[in-house]
Amino acid sequence: MRISARADYAVRAALQLAASTDDGPLKAEAIAAAQEIPHKFLEGILNDMRRSGLVRSQRGGNGGYRLARPAEEISIAEVIRAVEGPLVSVRGVRPPELSYTGPAESLLPLWVALRANVRQILDGVSLADVASAQLPPEVLGLTETPEAWTNP
């Protein structure tokens, strides 16, 4: 699985909003500078997140962006879906829409299992979890073996 720059930037921007202690909205320029994200690229990402209902925008001198819901209620998966679409696809197609024959027939349940595991992790971690460095124990457990940190 590959996490695109767009998805990475979206999650980082959402985390910046989640960690904001200011009651007012954050300007896109401030988010871009804090997370070292190209400003123009970030504007498009924030617009996608706004259309998906994850952030609210406010115009004017005191304008900017803020989360539309509490950070505890927004999963990392929701942020990625807002800017990328489905979490797991094969050639741009969702696994249930695929079919295989012959020796490749068991690929379908493999892709579905992969999707289920990705969903379980990313839907189970909120912006608040990451922003507070309090990842769920089942997620942290996956990182405890040396093999998790090396390339096979």
N, C-alpha and C. Protein backbone atom coordinates (compact mmCIF):
# COMPACT_ATOMS: atom_id res chain seq x y z
N MET A 1 0.84 -1.17 0.00
CA MET A 1 0.00 0.00 0.00
C MET A 1 0.89 1.24 0.00
N ARG A 2 0.48 2.22 -0.75
CA ARG A 2 1.24 3.46 -0.87
C ARG A 2 0.39 4.62 -0.36
N ILE A 3 0.93 5.43 0.53
CA ILE A 3 0.27 6.64 1.00
C ILE A 3 0.80 7.79 0.15
N SER A 4 -0.07 8.43 -0.60
CA SER A 4 0.35 9.51 -1.48
C SER A 4 0.72 10.76 -0.69
N ALA A 5 1.44 11.68 -1.33
CA ALA A 5 1.78 12.95 -0.71
C ALA A 5 0.49 13.68 -0.35
N ARG A 6 -0.51 13.61 -1.20
CA ARG A 6 -1.79 14.28 -0.96
C ARG A 6 -2.43 13.77 0.34
N ALA A 7 -2.46 12.46 0.53
CA ALA A 7 -3.03 11.88 1.74
C ALA A 7 -2.20 12.25 2.96
N ASP A 8 -0.89 12.17 2.84
CA ASP A 8 0.01 12.54 3.94
C ASP A 8 -0.20 13.99 4.34
N TYR A 9 -0.24 14.88 3.35
CA TYR A 9 -0.44 16.30 3.63
C TYR A 9 -1.80 16.55 4.27
N ALA A 10 -2.83 15.86 3.82
CA ALA A 10 -4.17 16.03 4.38
C ALA A 10 -4.19 15.64 5.85
N VAL A 11 -3.60 14.50 6.17
CA VAL A 11 -3.57 14.05 7.56
C VAL A 11 -2.77 15.03 8.41
N ARG A 12 -1.63 15.47 7.90
CA ARG A 12 -0.81 16.43 8.66
C ARG A 12 -1.53 17.75 8.87
N ALA A 13 -2.24 18.23 7.87
CA ALA A 13 -3.01 19.47 8.02
C ALA A 13 -4.12 19.28 9.05
N ALA A 14 -4.82 18.16 8.98
CA ALA A 14 -5.89 17.88 9.94
C ALA A 14 -5.33 17.78 11.36
N LEU A 15 -4.15 17.19 11.50
CA LEU A 15 -3.52 17.10 12.81
C LEU A 15 -3.12 18.48 13.33
N GLN A 16 -2.67 19.35 12.44
CA GLN A 16 -2.34 20.72 12.84
C GLN A 16 -3.59 21.42 13.36
N LEU A 17 -4.71 21.22 12.68
CA LEU A 17 -5.97 21.80 13.14
C LEU A 17 -6.40 21.18 14.47
N ALA A 18 -6.23 19.87 14.61
CA ALA A 18 -6.62 19.18 15.85
C ALA A 18 -5.79 19.65 17.04
N ALA A 19 -4.53 19.96 16.80
CA ALA A 19 -3.62 20.36 17.87
C ALA A 19 -3.70 21.84 18.20
N SER A 20 -4.44 22.58 17.40
CA SER A 20 -4.53 24.03 17.60
C SER A 20 -5.17 24.34 18.94
N THR A 21 -4.50 25.17 19.73
CA THR A 21 -5.06 25.59 21.01
C THR A 21 -5.76 26.93 20.89
N ASP A 22 -5.66 27.54 19.72
CA ASP A 22 -6.32 28.81 19.45
C ASP A 22 -7.79 28.55 19.17
N ASP A 23 -8.66 29.40 19.70
CA ASP A 23 -10.09 29.22 19.47
C ASP A 23 -10.51 29.63 18.06
N GLY A 24 -9.70 30.45 17.40
CA GLY A 24 -10.03 30.91 16.07
C GLY A 24 -9.56 29.96 15.00
N PRO A 25 -10.00 30.22 13.78
CA PRO A 25 -9.56 29.36 12.67
C PRO A 25 -8.09 29.58 12.34
N LEU A 26 -7.46 28.57 11.74
CA LEU A 26 -6.06 28.66 11.31
C LEU A 26 -6.03 28.99 9.83
N LYS A 27 -5.17 29.89 9.47
CA LYS A 27 -5.00 30.24 8.06
C LYS A 27 -4.24 29.13 7.35
N ALA A 28 -4.56 28.92 6.09
CA ALA A 28 -3.89 27.90 5.30
C ALA A 28 -2.39 28.15 5.27
N GLU A 29 -1.98 29.41 5.21
CA GLU A 29 -0.55 29.74 5.19
C GLU A 29 0.14 29.25 6.45
N ALA A 30 -0.53 29.38 7.59
CA ALA A 30 0.06 28.95 8.86
C ALA A 30 0.18 27.43 8.91
N ILE A 31 -0.85 26.73 8.41
CA ILE A 31 -0.80 25.27 8.38
C ILE A 31 0.32 24.81 7.45
N ALA A 32 0.38 25.43 6.27
CA ALA A 32 1.41 25.07 5.28
C ALA A 32 2.79 25.28 5.85
N ALA A 33 3.02 26.40 6.52
CA ALA A 33 4.34 26.69 7.09
C ALA A 33 4.68 25.71 8.21
N ALA A 34 3.72 25.45 9.08
CA ALA A 34 3.98 24.57 10.23
C ALA A 34 4.31 23.14 9.79
N GLN A 35 3.67 22.68 8.71
CA GLN A 35 3.86 21.30 8.27
C GLN A 35 4.72 21.17 7.02
N GLU A 36 5.27 22.30 6.55
CA GLU A 36 6.12 22.30 5.36
C GLU A 36 5.40 21.66 4.16
N ILE A 37 4.19 22.16 3.91
CA ILE A 37 3.36 21.69 2.80
C ILE A 37 3.26 22.84 1.81
N PRO A 38 3.43 22.59 0.52
CA PRO A 38 3.25 23.66 -0.46
C PRO A 38 1.86 24.29 -0.34
N HIS A 39 1.82 25.61 -0.19
CA HIS A 39 0.58 26.31 0.09
C HIS A 39 -0.52 26.06 -0.95
N LYS A 40 -0.20 26.18 -2.21
CA LYS A 40 -1.22 25.98 -3.25
C LYS A 40 -1.77 24.56 -3.23
N PHE A 41 -0.91 23.60 -3.02
CA PHE A 41 -1.33 22.20 -2.93
C PHE A 41 -2.27 22.03 -1.73
N LEU A 42 -1.92 22.65 -0.62
CA LEU A 42 -2.72 22.55 0.59
C LEU A 42 -4.11 23.16 0.39
N GLU A 43 -4.20 24.25 -0.34
CA GLU A 43 -5.51 24.87 -0.59
C GLU A 43 -6.48 23.88 -1.24
N GLY A 44 -6.01 23.14 -2.22
CA GLY A 44 -6.85 22.13 -2.86
C GLY A 44 -7.26 21.03 -1.90
N ILE A 45 -6.33 20.60 -1.07
CA ILE A 45 -6.61 19.56 -0.07
C ILE A 45 -7.66 20.06 0.92
N LEU A 46 -7.48 21.27 1.41
CA LEU A 46 -8.44 21.83 2.37
C LEU A 46 -9.82 21.98 1.74
N ASN A 47 -9.88 22.32 0.47
CA ASN A 47 -11.17 22.40 -0.22
C ASN A 47 -11.84 21.04 -0.30
N ASP A 48 -11.07 19.99 -0.59
CA ASP A 48 -11.63 18.63 -0.60
C ASP A 48 -12.14 18.25 0.79
N MET A 49 -11.38 18.60 1.80
CA MET A 49 -11.78 18.29 3.18
C MET A 49 -13.03 19.09 3.58
N ARG A 50 -13.15 20.30 3.08
CA ARG A 50 -14.34 21.12 3.35
C ARG A 50 -15.56 20.50 2.67
N ARG A 51 -15.42 20.10 1.41
CA ARG A 51 -16.54 19.48 0.69
C ARG A 51 -16.97 18.16 1.35
N SER A 52 -16.04 17.49 1.99
CA SER A 52 -16.36 16.22 2.67
C SER A 52 -16.91 16.45 4.08
N GLY A 53 -16.96 17.69 4.51
CA GLY A 53 -17.51 17.99 5.82
C GLY A 53 -16.55 17.80 6.97
N LEU A 54 -15.27 17.69 6.70
CA LEU A 54 -14.29 17.50 7.77
C LEU A 54 -13.79 18.82 8.35
N VAL A 55 -13.73 19.85 7.51
CA VAL A 55 -13.30 21.16 8.00
C VAL A 55 -14.34 22.21 7.59
N ARG A 56 -14.31 23.29 8.32
CA ARG A 56 -15.12 24.46 7.99
C ARG A 56 -14.17 25.59 7.64
N SER A 57 -14.58 26.41 6.72
CA SER A 57 -13.76 27.56 6.38
C SER A 57 -14.52 28.84 6.71
N GLN A 58 -13.75 29.86 7.00
CA GLN A 58 -14.31 31.16 7.31
C GLN A 58 -13.52 32.19 6.52
N ARG A 59 -14.21 33.06 5.82
CA ARG A 59 -13.57 34.09 5.02
C ARG A 59 -13.27 35.32 5.88
N GLY A 60 -12.42 36.18 5.33
CA GLY A 60 -12.16 37.46 5.97
C GLY A 60 -10.82 37.51 6.67
N GLY A 61 -10.55 38.66 7.26
CA GLY A 61 -9.27 38.88 7.94
C GLY A 61 -9.01 37.91 9.08
N ASN A 62 -10.07 37.49 9.75
CA ASN A 62 -9.93 36.52 10.83
C ASN A 62 -10.33 35.13 10.37
N GLY A 63 -10.29 34.93 9.06
CA GLY A 63 -10.73 33.66 8.49
C GLY A 63 -9.68 32.58 8.57
N GLY A 64 -10.05 31.44 8.07
CA GLY A 64 -9.17 30.28 8.06
C GLY A 64 -9.98 29.00 8.13
N TYR A 65 -9.37 27.97 8.67
CA TYR A 65 -9.98 26.65 8.73
C TYR A 65 -9.99 26.13 10.15
N ARG A 66 -11.00 25.31 10.42
CA ARG A 66 -11.08 24.59 11.69
C ARG A 66 -11.77 23.27 11.43
N LEU A 67 -11.58 22.32 12.31
CA LEU A 67 -12.26 21.03 12.17
C LEU A 67 -13.76 21.23 12.32
N ALA A 68 -14.54 20.50 11.56
CA ALA A 68 -15.99 20.60 11.62
C ALA A 68 -16.57 19.80 12.79
N ARG A 69 -15.81 18.84 13.29
CA ARG A 69 -16.22 18.02 14.43
C ARG A 69 -15.04 17.90 15.38
N PRO A 70 -15.28 17.46 16.60
CA PRO A 70 -14.14 17.24 17.51
C PRO A 70 -13.15 16.22 16.92
N ALA A 71 -11.89 16.42 17.20
CA ALA A 71 -10.82 15.55 16.67
C ALA A 71 -11.03 14.10 17.08
N GLU A 72 -11.67 13.87 18.20
CA GLU A 72 -11.93 12.49 18.67
C GLU A 72 -12.90 11.77 17.75
N GLU A 73 -13.68 12.53 16.99
CA GLU A 73 -14.71 11.94 16.13
C GLU A 73 -14.29 11.82 14.67
N ILE A 74 -13.07 12.19 14.35
CA ILE A 74 -12.60 12.13 12.96
C ILE A 74 -11.47 11.12 12.87
N SER A 75 -11.68 10.08 12.09
CA SER A 75 -10.64 9.05 11.95
C SER A 75 -9.65 9.45 10.86
N ILE A 76 -8.48 8.86 10.94
CA ILE A 76 -7.46 9.07 9.91
C ILE A 76 -8.01 8.59 8.57
N ALA A 77 -8.78 7.51 8.59
CA ALA A 77 -9.37 6.98 7.35
C ALA A 77 -10.29 8.01 6.69
N GLU A 78 -11.08 8.74 7.47
CA GLU A 78 -11.98 9.75 6.90
C GLU A 78 -11.20 10.83 6.17
N VAL A 79 -10.09 11.23 6.74
CA VAL A 79 -9.27 12.27 6.11
C VAL A 79 -8.71 11.77 4.79
N ILE A 80 -8.19 10.55 4.79
CA ILE A 80 -7.62 9.99 3.56
C ILE A 80 -8.71 9.82 2.51
N ARG A 81 -9.86 9.31 2.90
CA ARG A 81 -10.95 9.13 1.94
C ARG A 81 -11.40 10.47 1.34
N ALA A 82 -11.35 11.53 2.13
CA ALA A 82 -11.80 12.84 1.65
C ALA A 82 -10.96 13.34 0.48
N VAL A 83 -9.67 12.97 0.47
CA VAL A 83 -8.78 13.49 -0.58
C VAL A 83 -8.38 12.44 -1.61
N GLU A 84 -8.54 11.16 -1.29
CA GLU A 84 -8.08 10.10 -2.18
C GLU A 84 -9.17 9.14 -2.64
N GLY A 85 -10.28 9.10 -1.93
CA GLY A 85 -11.29 8.11 -2.24
C GLY A 85 -11.06 6.84 -1.43
N PRO A 86 -11.41 5.67 -1.97
CA PRO A 86 -11.30 4.42 -1.21
C PRO A 86 -9.88 4.17 -0.69
N LEU A 87 -9.81 3.56 0.49
CA LEU A 87 -8.51 3.28 1.09
C LEU A 87 -7.70 2.25 0.30
N VAL A 88 -8.38 1.23 -0.18
CA VAL A 88 -7.70 0.18 -0.93
C VAL A 88 -8.47 -0.06 -2.23
N SER A 89 -7.74 0.03 -3.31
CA SER A 89 -8.32 -0.32 -4.61
C SER A 89 -7.26 -1.05 -5.41
N VAL A 90 -7.70 -1.79 -6.39
CA VAL A 90 -6.81 -2.52 -7.28
C VAL A 90 -7.06 -1.98 -8.68
N ARG A 91 -6.05 -1.34 -9.22
CA ARG A 91 -6.20 -0.70 -10.53
C ARG A 91 -7.34 0.30 -10.54
N GLY A 92 -7.58 0.95 -9.39
CA GLY A 92 -8.64 1.94 -9.29
C GLY A 92 -10.02 1.37 -9.06
N VAL A 93 -10.12 0.08 -8.83
CA VAL A 93 -11.41 -0.60 -8.63
C VAL A 93 -11.45 -1.14 -7.20
N ARG A 94 -12.60 -1.00 -6.56
CA ARG A 94 -12.76 -1.55 -5.20
C ARG A 94 -12.76 -3.08 -5.30
N PRO A 95 -12.14 -3.76 -4.33
CA PRO A 95 -12.04 -5.22 -4.39
C PRO A 95 -13.35 -5.97 -4.65
N PRO A 96 -14.49 -5.62 -4.04
CA PRO A 96 -15.70 -6.40 -4.31
C PRO A 96 -16.18 -6.34 -5.77
N GLU A 97 -15.69 -5.37 -6.52
CA GLU A 97 -16.09 -5.23 -7.92
C GLU A 97 -15.21 -6.04 -8.87
N LEU A 98 -14.20 -6.71 -8.33
CA LEU A 98 -13.27 -7.49 -9.15
C LEU A 98 -13.72 -8.93 -9.26
N SER A 99 -13.21 -9.61 -10.24
CA SER A 99 -13.39 -11.06 -10.32
C SER A 99 -12.15 -11.65 -10.99
N TYR A 100 -11.77 -12.82 -10.53
CA TYR A 100 -10.61 -13.52 -11.06
C TYR A 100 -10.99 -14.96 -11.34
N THR A 101 -10.21 -15.59 -12.19
CA THR A 101 -10.47 -16.99 -12.51
C THR A 101 -9.18 -17.79 -12.37
N GLY A 102 -9.34 -19.07 -12.34
CA GLY A 102 -8.19 -19.98 -12.29
C GLY A 102 -7.35 -19.77 -11.05
N PRO A 103 -6.03 -19.86 -11.19
CA PRO A 103 -5.16 -19.77 -10.02
C PRO A 103 -5.19 -18.40 -9.35
N ALA A 104 -5.71 -17.38 -10.01
CA ALA A 104 -5.80 -16.04 -9.41
C ALA A 104 -7.09 -15.83 -8.63
N GLU A 105 -7.97 -16.85 -8.63
CA GLU A 105 -9.28 -16.70 -8.00
C GLU A 105 -9.20 -16.30 -6.52
N SER A 106 -8.21 -16.81 -5.80
CA SER A 106 -8.12 -16.49 -4.38
C SER A 106 -7.48 -15.12 -4.11
N LEU A 107 -7.16 -14.39 -5.17
CA LEU A 107 -6.69 -13.02 -4.97
C LEU A 107 -7.79 -12.14 -4.39
N LEU A 108 -9.02 -12.34 -4.80
CA LEU A 108 -10.11 -11.49 -4.34
C LEU A 108 -10.23 -11.50 -2.81
N PRO A 109 -10.31 -12.66 -2.15
CA PRO A 109 -10.38 -12.61 -0.68
C PRO A 109 -9.11 -12.01 -0.05
N LEU A 110 -7.97 -12.15 -0.73
CA LEU A 110 -6.75 -11.54 -0.22
C LEU A 110 -6.87 -10.02 -0.23
N TRP A 111 -7.35 -9.46 -1.37
CA TRP A 111 -7.52 -8.00 -1.45
C TRP A 111 -8.57 -7.51 -0.46
N VAL A 112 -9.65 -8.27 -0.28
CA VAL A 112 -10.68 -7.88 0.68
C VAL A 112 -10.12 -7.92 2.10
N ALA A 113 -9.31 -8.93 2.42
CA ALA A 113 -8.69 -9.01 3.75
C ALA A 113 -7.75 -7.83 3.98
N LEU A 114 -6.99 -7.47 2.95
CA LEU A 114 -6.10 -6.32 3.05
C LEU A 114 -6.92 -5.06 3.34
N ARG A 115 -7.99 -4.87 2.60
CA ARG A 115 -8.85 -3.70 2.80
C ARG A 115 -9.42 -3.70 4.22
N ALA A 116 -9.86 -4.85 4.70
CA ALA A 116 -10.43 -4.93 6.04
C ALA A 116 -9.40 -4.56 7.11
N ASN A 117 -8.16 -4.99 6.93
CA ASN A 117 -7.12 -4.67 7.91
C ASN A 117 -6.75 -3.19 7.86
N VAL A 118 -6.65 -2.64 6.69
CA VAL A 118 -6.34 -1.21 6.56
C VAL A 118 -7.46 -0.39 7.21
N ARG A 119 -8.70 -0.77 6.92
CA ARG A 119 -9.84 -0.08 7.53
C ARG A 119 -9.80 -0.18 9.05
N GLN A 120 -9.53 -1.38 9.55
CA GLN A 120 -9.52 -1.60 11.00
C GLN A 120 -8.52 -0.65 11.67
N ILE A 121 -7.36 -0.50 11.08
CA ILE A 121 -6.35 0.37 11.68
C ILE A 121 -6.72 1.84 11.49
N LEU A 122 -6.95 2.26 10.26
CA LEU A 122 -7.15 3.69 10.00
C LEU A 122 -8.50 4.22 10.49
N ASP A 123 -9.54 3.38 10.50
CA ASP A 123 -10.82 3.81 11.06
C ASP A 123 -10.77 3.81 12.59
N GLY A 124 -9.85 3.05 13.16
CA GLY A 124 -9.75 2.93 14.62
C GLY A 124 -8.83 3.94 15.27
N VAL A 125 -8.25 4.84 14.48
CA VAL A 125 -7.35 5.85 15.03
C VAL A 125 -7.91 7.23 14.68
N SER A 126 -8.12 8.04 15.70
CA SER A 126 -8.67 9.38 15.47
C SER A 126 -7.55 10.42 15.38
N LEU A 127 -7.92 11.57 14.89
CA LEU A 127 -6.97 12.70 14.88
C LEU A 127 -6.48 12.99 16.29
N ALA A 128 -7.39 12.91 17.26
CA ALA A 128 -7.02 13.17 18.65
C ALA A 128 -5.99 12.15 19.15
N ASP A 129 -6.15 10.89 18.75
CA ASP A 129 -5.18 9.85 19.16
C ASP A 129 -3.77 10.22 18.70
N VAL A 130 -3.66 10.60 17.44
CA VAL A 130 -2.33 10.90 16.89
C VAL A 130 -1.81 12.22 17.45
N ALA A 131 -2.66 13.24 17.50
CA ALA A 131 -2.23 14.56 17.98
C ALA A 131 -1.75 14.50 19.43
N SER A 132 -2.32 13.59 20.20
CA SER A 132 -1.92 13.46 21.61
C SER A 132 -0.89 12.37 21.83
N ALA A 133 -0.42 11.76 20.74
CA ALA A 133 0.56 10.66 20.82
C ALA A 133 0.04 9.51 21.68
N GLN A 134 -1.26 9.22 21.58
CA GLN A 134 -1.89 8.14 22.33
C GLN A 134 -2.51 7.13 21.37
N LEU A 135 -1.68 6.50 20.56
CA LEU A 135 -2.19 5.51 19.61
C LEU A 135 -2.79 4.33 20.36
N PRO A 136 -3.84 3.73 19.81
CA PRO A 136 -4.45 2.55 20.45
C PRO A 136 -3.42 1.43 20.62
N PRO A 137 -3.53 0.68 21.71
CA PRO A 137 -2.56 -0.39 21.98
C PRO A 137 -2.43 -1.40 20.85
N GLU A 138 -3.55 -1.72 20.17
CA GLU A 138 -3.48 -2.70 19.08
C GLU A 138 -2.67 -2.16 17.90
N VAL A 139 -2.65 -0.85 17.72
CA VAL A 139 -1.84 -0.25 16.66
C VAL A 139 -0.38 -0.24 17.09
N LEU A 140 -0.13 0.19 18.31
CA LEU A 140 1.25 0.20 18.80
C LEU A 140 1.85 -1.20 18.82
N GLY A 141 1.02 -2.19 19.12
CA GLY A 141 1.49 -3.58 19.14
C GLY A 141 2.04 -4.02 17.79
N LEU A 142 1.49 -3.50 16.72
CA LEU A 142 1.96 -3.86 15.38
C LEU A 142 3.36 -3.30 15.08
N THR A 143 3.80 -2.34 15.85
CA THR A 143 5.10 -1.71 15.62
C THR A 143 6.21 -2.27 16.50
N GLU A 144 5.89 -3.23 17.36
CA GLU A 144 6.84 -3.68 18.37
C GLU A 144 7.88 -4.68 17.89
N THR A 145 7.68 -5.28 16.74
CA THR A 145 8.68 -6.22 16.25
C THR A 145 9.68 -5.48 15.36
N PRO A 146 10.94 -5.90 15.38
CA PRO A 146 11.93 -5.25 14.53
C PRO A 146 11.57 -5.33 13.04
N GLU A 147 10.89 -6.41 12.64
CA GLU A 147 10.51 -6.59 11.24
C GLU A 147 9.56 -5.49 10.76
N ALA A 148 8.81 -4.89 11.67
CA ALA A 148 7.88 -3.84 11.29
C ALA A 148 8.61 -2.60 10.78
N TRP A 149 9.85 -2.45 11.19
CA TRP A 149 10.62 -1.24 10.86
C TRP A 149 11.62 -1.44 9.75
N THR A 150 11.70 -2.66 9.21
CA THR A 150 12.69 -2.93 8.16
C THR A 150 12.00 -3.29 6.86
N ASN A 151 12.72 -3.13 5.78
CA ASN A 151 12.23 -3.53 4.47
C ASN A 151 12.62 -4.98 4.22
N PRO A 152 11.66 -5.83 3.85
CA PRO A 152 12.01 -7.23 3.57
C PRO A 152 12.77 -7.36 2.26
